[in-house]
Amino acid sequence: MESHSLWYIFTGLLLLVEAFTPNLFIAICFAFSAFVVAVIDQVSDINLSLLIIIFVAVAVLNLFTLRKFLKATVKVPNEAKAEENNIEGAEAMVFKAISESEPGTIKLYDSDQVLLAKSVNGEFIGQGTTVKVVNYENNLALVETF
């Protein structure tokens, strides 16, 4: 197996780690660095020690630039903000479908809040449906359709 293939496998493993550590954005910085090194390794004949130095340099650069950018732009559900404000009766749009077995996500029309939500009746509510927040408890908005 060629060395660039190992760098690509390493990239995939780091992306898998990122999937299980949401909102930290550390593994994705290392994954991007590994990908850059894999491409460099594939198109050139640079030795391993220099590739490792490139990997570390790009990783440090990513931690200070890409990570800050991702933290600033990626919106995550904000449970604490929802508890502070009384959101009962607010209208929202379903962003991720709400099923009988797992909650979905909603975005309130009057603010930028994105919340986890579950149907009051336990019914399926599809993406794009307008819903009304009936109750908010345990970091979960209970919603119903109009």
N, C-alpha and C. Protein backbone atom coordinates (compact mmCIF):
# COMPACT_ATOMS: atom_id res chain seq x y z
N MET A 1 0.85 -1.18 0.00
CA MET A 1 0.00 0.00 0.00
C MET A 1 0.89 1.24 0.00
N GLU A 2 0.54 2.16 -0.83
CA GLU A 2 1.34 3.39 -0.93
C GLU A 2 1.06 4.31 0.25
N SER A 3 2.04 5.16 0.55
CA SER A 3 1.94 6.00 1.74
C SER A 3 0.80 7.02 1.64
N HIS A 4 0.50 7.52 0.44
CA HIS A 4 -0.60 8.49 0.35
C HIS A 4 -1.94 7.83 0.68
N SER A 5 -2.07 6.53 0.42
CA SER A 5 -3.30 5.82 0.79
C SER A 5 -3.48 5.80 2.30
N LEU A 6 -2.38 5.65 3.02
CA LEU A 6 -2.46 5.67 4.49
C LEU A 6 -2.88 7.05 5.00
N TRP A 7 -2.40 8.09 4.34
CA TRP A 7 -2.82 9.44 4.72
C TRP A 7 -4.32 9.63 4.47
N TYR A 8 -4.83 9.10 3.36
CA TYR A 8 -6.27 9.19 3.08
C TYR A 8 -7.08 8.41 4.12
N ILE A 9 -6.60 7.24 4.51
CA ILE A 9 -7.29 6.45 5.55
C ILE A 9 -7.27 7.21 6.87
N PHE A 10 -6.14 7.81 7.19
CA PHE A 10 -6.02 8.62 8.40
C PHE A 10 -7.01 9.79 8.37
N THR A 11 -7.17 10.40 7.21
CA THR A 11 -8.15 11.48 7.05
C THR A 11 -9.55 10.99 7.36
N GLY A 12 -9.92 9.85 6.81
CA GLY A 12 -11.24 9.29 7.06
C GLY A 12 -11.48 8.96 8.52
N LEU A 13 -10.48 8.41 9.17
CA LEU A 13 -10.61 8.10 10.60
C LEU A 13 -10.79 9.37 11.43
N LEU A 14 -10.06 10.41 11.08
CA LEU A 14 -10.21 11.67 11.80
C LEU A 14 -11.59 12.28 11.58
N LEU A 15 -12.13 12.15 10.39
CA LEU A 15 -13.49 12.64 10.13
C LEU A 15 -14.51 11.84 10.92
N LEU A 16 -14.27 10.56 11.08
CA LEU A 16 -15.15 9.73 11.90
C LEU A 16 -15.09 10.17 13.37
N VAL A 17 -13.91 10.47 13.85
CA VAL A 17 -13.76 10.98 15.22
C VAL A 17 -14.52 12.29 15.37
N GLU A 18 -14.44 13.16 14.37
CA GLU A 18 -15.15 14.44 14.42
C GLU A 18 -16.66 14.24 14.50
N ALA A 19 -17.15 13.20 13.85
CA ALA A 19 -18.59 12.93 13.88
C ALA A 19 -19.07 12.61 15.30
N PHE A 20 -18.19 12.06 16.12
CA PHE A 20 -18.58 11.70 17.48
C PHE A 20 -18.16 12.75 18.52
N THR A 21 -17.53 13.81 18.08
CA THR A 21 -17.17 14.91 18.98
C THR A 21 -17.69 16.22 18.38
N PRO A 22 -19.01 16.39 18.33
CA PRO A 22 -19.55 17.57 17.66
C PRO A 22 -19.16 18.87 18.36
N ASN A 23 -18.99 19.88 17.55
CA ASN A 23 -18.75 21.25 17.99
C ASN A 23 -17.39 21.51 18.61
N LEU A 24 -16.48 20.53 18.56
CA LEU A 24 -15.11 20.78 19.02
C LEU A 24 -14.24 21.26 17.87
N PHE A 25 -14.45 20.71 16.69
CA PHE A 25 -13.76 21.09 15.46
C PHE A 25 -12.24 20.93 15.53
N ILE A 26 -11.78 20.00 16.34
CA ILE A 26 -10.35 19.74 16.41
C ILE A 26 -9.96 18.64 15.43
N ALA A 27 -10.69 17.56 15.45
CA ALA A 27 -10.37 16.44 14.56
C ALA A 27 -10.50 16.83 13.09
N ILE A 28 -11.45 17.71 12.79
CA ILE A 28 -11.62 18.12 11.39
C ILE A 28 -10.42 18.96 10.92
N CYS A 29 -9.80 19.71 11.83
CA CYS A 29 -8.59 20.46 11.48
C CYS A 29 -7.45 19.50 11.14
N PHE A 30 -7.29 18.46 11.95
CA PHE A 30 -6.26 17.45 11.67
C PHE A 30 -6.59 16.66 10.40
N ALA A 31 -7.90 16.40 10.18
CA ALA A 31 -8.30 15.66 8.98
C ALA A 31 -7.97 16.47 7.72
N PHE A 32 -8.24 17.75 7.76
CA PHE A 32 -7.91 18.60 6.62
C PHE A 32 -6.40 18.60 6.37
N SER A 33 -5.62 18.66 7.44
CA SER A 33 -4.16 18.62 7.32
C SER A 33 -3.69 17.31 6.73
N ALA A 34 -4.27 16.20 7.18
CA ALA A 34 -3.90 14.89 6.64
C ALA A 34 -4.26 14.80 5.16
N PHE A 35 -5.37 15.38 4.78
CA PHE A 35 -5.77 15.37 3.37
C PHE A 35 -4.78 16.16 2.51
N VAL A 36 -4.38 17.33 3.01
CA VAL A 36 -3.40 18.14 2.28
C VAL A 36 -2.10 17.36 2.10
N VAL A 37 -1.65 16.70 3.15
CA VAL A 37 -0.42 15.91 3.08
C VAL A 37 -0.59 14.73 2.13
N ALA A 38 -1.76 14.11 2.13
CA ALA A 38 -2.00 12.98 1.22
C ALA A 38 -1.90 13.42 -0.23
N VAL A 39 -2.46 14.57 -0.55
CA VAL A 39 -2.39 15.08 -1.92
C VAL A 39 -0.94 15.42 -2.28
N ILE A 40 -0.23 16.07 -1.37
CA ILE A 40 1.18 16.39 -1.62
C ILE A 40 1.98 15.11 -1.82
N ASP A 41 1.73 14.11 -0.98
CA ASP A 41 2.45 12.84 -1.09
C ASP A 41 2.14 12.13 -2.40
N GLN A 42 0.93 12.27 -2.87
CA GLN A 42 0.51 11.60 -4.10
C GLN A 42 1.16 12.22 -5.34
N VAL A 43 1.38 13.52 -5.33
CA VAL A 43 1.89 14.18 -6.53
C VAL A 43 3.39 14.47 -6.49
N SER A 44 4.04 14.19 -5.35
CA SER A 44 5.48 14.48 -5.26
C SER A 44 6.22 13.32 -4.60
N ASP A 45 7.53 13.45 -4.54
CA ASP A 45 8.38 12.42 -3.92
C ASP A 45 9.04 12.94 -2.65
N ILE A 46 8.29 13.63 -1.82
CA ILE A 46 8.81 14.16 -0.57
C ILE A 46 8.91 13.03 0.45
N ASN A 47 9.98 13.04 1.27
CA ASN A 47 10.14 11.97 2.26
C ASN A 47 9.19 12.15 3.44
N LEU A 48 9.06 11.10 4.24
CA LEU A 48 8.09 11.05 5.33
C LEU A 48 8.34 12.12 6.39
N SER A 49 9.57 12.38 6.74
CA SER A 49 9.84 13.36 7.79
C SER A 49 9.38 14.76 7.38
N LEU A 50 9.59 15.12 6.14
CA LEU A 50 9.11 16.41 5.66
C LEU A 50 7.58 16.46 5.59
N LEU A 51 6.96 15.34 5.24
CA LEU A 51 5.49 15.27 5.22
C LEU A 51 4.91 15.46 6.62
N ILE A 52 5.57 14.90 7.60
CA ILE A 52 5.09 15.05 8.99
C ILE A 52 5.23 16.50 9.43
N ILE A 53 6.31 17.15 9.04
CA ILE A 53 6.49 18.57 9.37
C ILE A 53 5.40 19.41 8.70
N ILE A 54 5.10 19.10 7.45
CA ILE A 54 4.02 19.80 6.74
C ILE A 54 2.69 19.55 7.44
N PHE A 55 2.43 18.30 7.84
CA PHE A 55 1.20 17.96 8.55
C PHE A 55 1.05 18.79 9.82
N VAL A 56 2.09 18.86 10.63
CA VAL A 56 2.03 19.61 11.89
C VAL A 56 1.83 21.09 11.62
N ALA A 57 2.53 21.64 10.64
CA ALA A 57 2.40 23.07 10.33
C ALA A 57 0.99 23.41 9.86
N VAL A 58 0.44 22.60 8.97
CA VAL A 58 -0.92 22.86 8.47
C VAL A 58 -1.94 22.65 9.59
N ALA A 59 -1.71 21.67 10.46
CA ALA A 59 -2.63 21.42 11.57
C ALA A 59 -2.67 22.60 12.54
N VAL A 60 -1.50 23.13 12.87
CA VAL A 60 -1.46 24.29 13.77
C VAL A 60 -2.14 25.49 13.11
N LEU A 61 -1.88 25.70 11.85
CA LEU A 61 -2.54 26.79 11.12
C LEU A 61 -4.06 26.61 11.13
N ASN A 62 -4.51 25.39 10.90
CA ASN A 62 -5.95 25.11 10.91
C ASN A 62 -6.57 25.34 12.28
N LEU A 63 -5.87 24.95 13.33
CA LEU A 63 -6.42 25.13 14.68
C LEU A 63 -6.65 26.60 15.00
N PHE A 64 -5.82 27.46 14.45
CA PHE A 64 -5.97 28.89 14.73
C PHE A 64 -6.85 29.62 13.73
N THR A 65 -7.09 29.05 12.56
CA THR A 65 -7.91 29.74 11.57
C THR A 65 -9.21 29.00 11.28
N LEU A 66 -9.12 27.79 10.77
CA LEU A 66 -10.31 27.03 10.37
C LEU A 66 -11.23 26.76 11.57
N ARG A 67 -10.66 26.42 12.71
CA ARG A 67 -11.47 26.12 13.89
C ARG A 67 -12.25 27.36 14.34
N LYS A 68 -11.59 28.50 14.38
CA LYS A 68 -12.28 29.74 14.77
C LYS A 68 -13.40 30.06 13.78
N PHE A 69 -13.13 29.87 12.49
CA PHE A 69 -14.14 30.12 11.47
C PHE A 69 -15.34 29.19 11.66
N LEU A 70 -15.09 27.89 11.89
CA LEU A 70 -16.19 26.94 12.07
C LEU A 70 -16.99 27.24 13.33
N LYS A 71 -16.32 27.58 14.41
CA LYS A 71 -17.03 27.89 15.65
C LYS A 71 -17.91 29.13 15.49
N ALA A 72 -17.47 30.07 14.67
CA ALA A 72 -18.23 31.30 14.48
C ALA A 72 -19.41 31.11 13.53
N THR A 73 -19.31 30.18 12.58
CA THR A 73 -20.35 30.06 11.56
C THR A 73 -21.33 28.93 11.78
N VAL A 74 -20.94 27.88 12.46
CA VAL A 74 -21.83 26.73 12.64
C VAL A 74 -22.79 27.01 13.78
N LYS A 75 -24.08 26.94 13.48
CA LYS A 75 -25.11 27.17 14.50
C LYS A 75 -25.45 25.84 15.18
N VAL A 76 -25.55 25.88 16.49
CA VAL A 76 -25.91 24.69 17.26
C VAL A 76 -27.13 25.02 18.09
N PRO A 77 -27.91 24.01 18.46
CA PRO A 77 -29.07 24.29 19.31
C PRO A 77 -28.65 24.98 20.60
N ASN A 78 -29.38 25.99 20.98
CA ASN A 78 -29.03 26.77 22.15
C ASN A 78 -30.12 26.60 23.20
N GLU A 79 -29.97 25.58 24.04
CA GLU A 79 -31.00 25.26 25.02
C GLU A 79 -31.09 26.32 26.12
N ALA A 80 -29.94 26.84 26.56
CA ALA A 80 -29.95 27.81 27.65
C ALA A 80 -30.69 29.08 27.24
N LYS A 81 -30.50 29.52 26.02
CA LYS A 81 -31.17 30.73 25.54
C LYS A 81 -32.68 30.52 25.47
N ALA A 82 -33.10 29.31 25.09
CA ALA A 82 -34.53 29.03 24.99
C ALA A 82 -35.18 29.00 26.36
N GLU A 83 -34.47 28.52 27.38
CA GLU A 83 -35.04 28.49 28.71
C GLU A 83 -35.22 29.89 29.26
N GLU A 84 -34.29 30.80 28.93
CA GLU A 84 -34.39 32.17 29.42
C GLU A 84 -35.63 32.86 28.86
N ASN A 85 -35.93 32.61 27.61
CA ASN A 85 -37.07 33.24 26.96
C ASN A 85 -38.24 32.27 26.97
N ASN A 86 -39.41 32.80 27.18
CA ASN A 86 -40.60 31.95 27.13
C ASN A 86 -40.96 31.77 25.66
N ILE A 87 -40.76 30.58 25.14
CA ILE A 87 -41.00 30.35 23.72
C ILE A 87 -42.31 29.63 23.46
N GLU A 88 -43.08 29.38 24.50
CA GLU A 88 -44.36 28.71 24.30
C GLU A 88 -45.26 29.59 23.45
N GLY A 89 -45.88 28.97 22.44
CA GLY A 89 -46.74 29.68 21.52
C GLY A 89 -46.02 30.24 20.30
N ALA A 90 -44.69 30.14 20.28
CA ALA A 90 -43.92 30.66 19.15
C ALA A 90 -44.06 29.74 17.94
N GLU A 91 -44.00 30.34 16.76
CA GLU A 91 -44.06 29.56 15.52
C GLU A 91 -42.65 29.27 15.04
N ALA A 92 -42.51 28.10 14.42
CA ALA A 92 -41.19 27.68 13.94
C ALA A 92 -41.34 26.82 12.70
N MET A 93 -40.22 26.64 12.00
CA MET A 93 -40.18 25.76 10.83
C MET A 93 -39.32 24.55 11.18
N VAL A 94 -39.77 23.39 10.75
CA VAL A 94 -39.03 22.15 10.98
C VAL A 94 -37.87 22.09 9.99
N PHE A 95 -36.64 22.00 10.51
CA PHE A 95 -35.45 21.89 9.67
C PHE A 95 -35.07 20.44 9.45
N LYS A 96 -35.15 19.63 10.49
CA LYS A 96 -34.90 18.20 10.38
C LYS A 96 -36.18 17.53 10.83
N ALA A 97 -36.68 16.62 10.00
CA ALA A 97 -37.97 15.98 10.26
C ALA A 97 -38.04 15.39 11.66
N ILE A 98 -39.20 15.50 12.25
CA ILE A 98 -39.45 14.95 13.58
C ILE A 98 -40.16 13.61 13.38
N SER A 99 -39.58 12.54 13.91
CA SER A 99 -40.18 11.22 13.76
C SER A 99 -40.73 10.75 15.10
N GLU A 100 -41.38 9.60 15.06
CA GLU A 100 -41.95 9.04 16.29
C GLU A 100 -40.85 8.62 17.26
N SER A 101 -39.69 8.21 16.72
CA SER A 101 -38.65 7.65 17.56
C SER A 101 -37.55 8.63 17.96
N GLU A 102 -37.33 9.68 17.17
CA GLU A 102 -36.26 10.61 17.52
C GLU A 102 -36.68 12.05 17.22
N PRO A 103 -36.14 12.97 18.02
CA PRO A 103 -36.49 14.38 17.80
C PRO A 103 -35.84 14.94 16.55
N GLY A 104 -36.41 16.01 16.07
CA GLY A 104 -35.85 16.74 14.94
C GLY A 104 -35.37 18.09 15.41
N THR A 105 -35.15 19.01 14.47
CA THR A 105 -34.76 20.36 14.84
C THR A 105 -35.72 21.36 14.22
N ILE A 106 -35.95 22.44 14.95
CA ILE A 106 -36.80 23.53 14.47
C ILE A 106 -36.04 24.84 14.59
N LYS A 107 -36.43 25.82 13.77
CA LYS A 107 -35.88 27.17 13.86
C LYS A 107 -37.04 28.11 14.08
N LEU A 108 -36.97 28.88 15.15
CA LEU A 108 -38.03 29.83 15.46
C LEU A 108 -38.03 30.94 14.44
N TYR A 109 -39.23 31.37 14.02
CA TYR A 109 -39.36 32.41 13.03
C TYR A 109 -38.86 33.77 13.54
N ASP A 110 -39.10 34.07 14.81
CA ASP A 110 -38.80 35.39 15.32
C ASP A 110 -37.38 35.56 15.86
N SER A 111 -36.56 34.50 15.80
CA SER A 111 -35.17 34.60 16.29
C SER A 111 -34.30 33.60 15.55
N ASP A 112 -33.04 33.57 15.88
CA ASP A 112 -32.10 32.63 15.26
C ASP A 112 -31.98 31.34 16.07
N GLN A 113 -32.87 31.10 17.00
CA GLN A 113 -32.76 29.92 17.84
C GLN A 113 -33.10 28.66 17.06
N VAL A 114 -32.22 27.67 17.21
CA VAL A 114 -32.45 26.35 16.64
C VAL A 114 -32.55 25.39 17.82
N LEU A 115 -33.65 24.65 17.89
CA LEU A 115 -33.92 23.80 19.04
C LEU A 115 -34.23 22.37 18.62
N LEU A 116 -33.96 21.44 19.52
CA LEU A 116 -34.42 20.08 19.33
C LEU A 116 -35.91 20.05 19.62
N ALA A 117 -36.65 19.27 18.85
CA ALA A 117 -38.10 19.28 19.02
C ALA A 117 -38.67 17.88 18.83
N LYS A 118 -39.80 17.66 19.50
CA LYS A 118 -40.53 16.41 19.40
C LYS A 118 -42.01 16.74 19.29
N SER A 119 -42.74 15.91 18.60
CA SER A 119 -44.17 16.14 18.42
C SER A 119 -44.92 15.81 19.71
N VAL A 120 -45.92 16.63 20.03
CA VAL A 120 -46.74 16.41 21.21
C VAL A 120 -47.48 15.07 21.09
N ASN A 121 -47.98 14.79 19.88
CA ASN A 121 -48.77 13.57 19.66
C ASN A 121 -47.92 12.38 19.26
N GLY A 122 -46.61 12.56 19.13
CA GLY A 122 -45.74 11.48 18.70
C GLY A 122 -45.84 11.17 17.22
N GLU A 123 -46.39 12.13 16.45
CA GLU A 123 -46.57 11.91 15.02
C GLU A 123 -45.35 12.39 14.24
N PHE A 124 -45.25 11.95 12.99
CA PHE A 124 -44.19 12.39 12.10
C PHE A 124 -44.52 13.78 11.57
N ILE A 125 -43.54 14.68 11.63
CA ILE A 125 -43.70 16.02 11.07
C ILE A 125 -42.54 16.24 10.11
N GLY A 126 -42.86 16.47 8.85
CA GLY A 126 -41.84 16.58 7.81
C GLY A 126 -41.11 17.91 7.80
N GLN A 127 -39.97 17.89 7.13
CA GLN A 127 -39.14 19.08 6.98
C GLN A 127 -39.91 20.17 6.23
N GLY A 128 -39.78 21.41 6.70
CA GLY A 128 -40.43 22.54 6.05
C GLY A 128 -41.81 22.85 6.60
N THR A 129 -42.32 22.01 7.49
CA THR A 129 -43.64 22.22 8.08
C THR A 129 -43.58 23.31 9.14
N THR A 130 -44.60 24.16 9.17
CA THR A 130 -44.70 25.18 10.21
C THR A 130 -45.38 24.56 11.43
N VAL A 131 -44.77 24.77 12.59
CA VAL A 131 -45.28 24.20 13.83
C VAL A 131 -45.38 25.30 14.89
N LYS A 132 -46.09 24.97 15.96
CA LYS A 132 -46.24 25.88 17.10
C LYS A 132 -45.66 25.18 18.32
N VAL A 133 -44.87 25.91 19.11
CA VAL A 133 -44.27 25.36 20.32
C VAL A 133 -45.33 25.36 21.41
N VAL A 134 -45.63 24.16 21.92
CA VAL A 134 -46.62 24.02 22.98
C VAL A 134 -45.98 24.11 24.35
N ASN A 135 -44.79 23.51 24.49
CA ASN A 135 -44.12 23.47 25.77
C ASN A 135 -42.62 23.33 25.53
N TYR A 136 -41.81 23.73 26.51
CA TYR A 136 -40.37 23.55 26.44
C TYR A 136 -39.90 22.99 27.77
N GLU A 137 -39.40 21.77 27.74
CA GLU A 137 -38.91 21.14 28.97
C GLU A 137 -37.80 20.16 28.65
N ASN A 138 -36.87 20.02 29.57
CA ASN A 138 -35.74 19.09 29.42
C ASN A 138 -34.99 19.31 28.11
N ASN A 139 -34.75 20.58 27.76
CA ASN A 139 -34.02 20.93 26.54
C ASN A 139 -34.67 20.40 25.28
N LEU A 140 -36.00 20.26 25.28
CA LEU A 140 -36.73 19.73 24.14
C LEU A 140 -38.02 20.51 23.96
N ALA A 141 -38.23 21.05 22.77
CA ALA A 141 -39.46 21.78 22.49
C ALA A 141 -40.52 20.77 22.03
N LEU A 142 -41.69 20.82 22.65
CA LEU A 142 -42.80 19.99 22.24
C LEU A 142 -43.66 20.82 21.30
N VAL A 143 -43.88 20.32 20.09
CA VAL A 143 -44.54 21.10 19.06
C VAL A 143 -45.75 20.37 18.49
N GLU A 144 -46.62 21.15 17.84
CA GLU A 144 -47.75 20.58 17.12
C GLU A 144 -47.93 21.35 15.82
N THR A 145 -48.54 20.68 14.85
CA THR A 145 -48.79 21.34 13.57
C THR A 145 -50.09 22.14 13.67
N PHE A 146 -50.25 23.06 12.75
CA PHE A 146 -51.48 23.87 12.74
C PHE A 146 -52.60 23.09 12.15
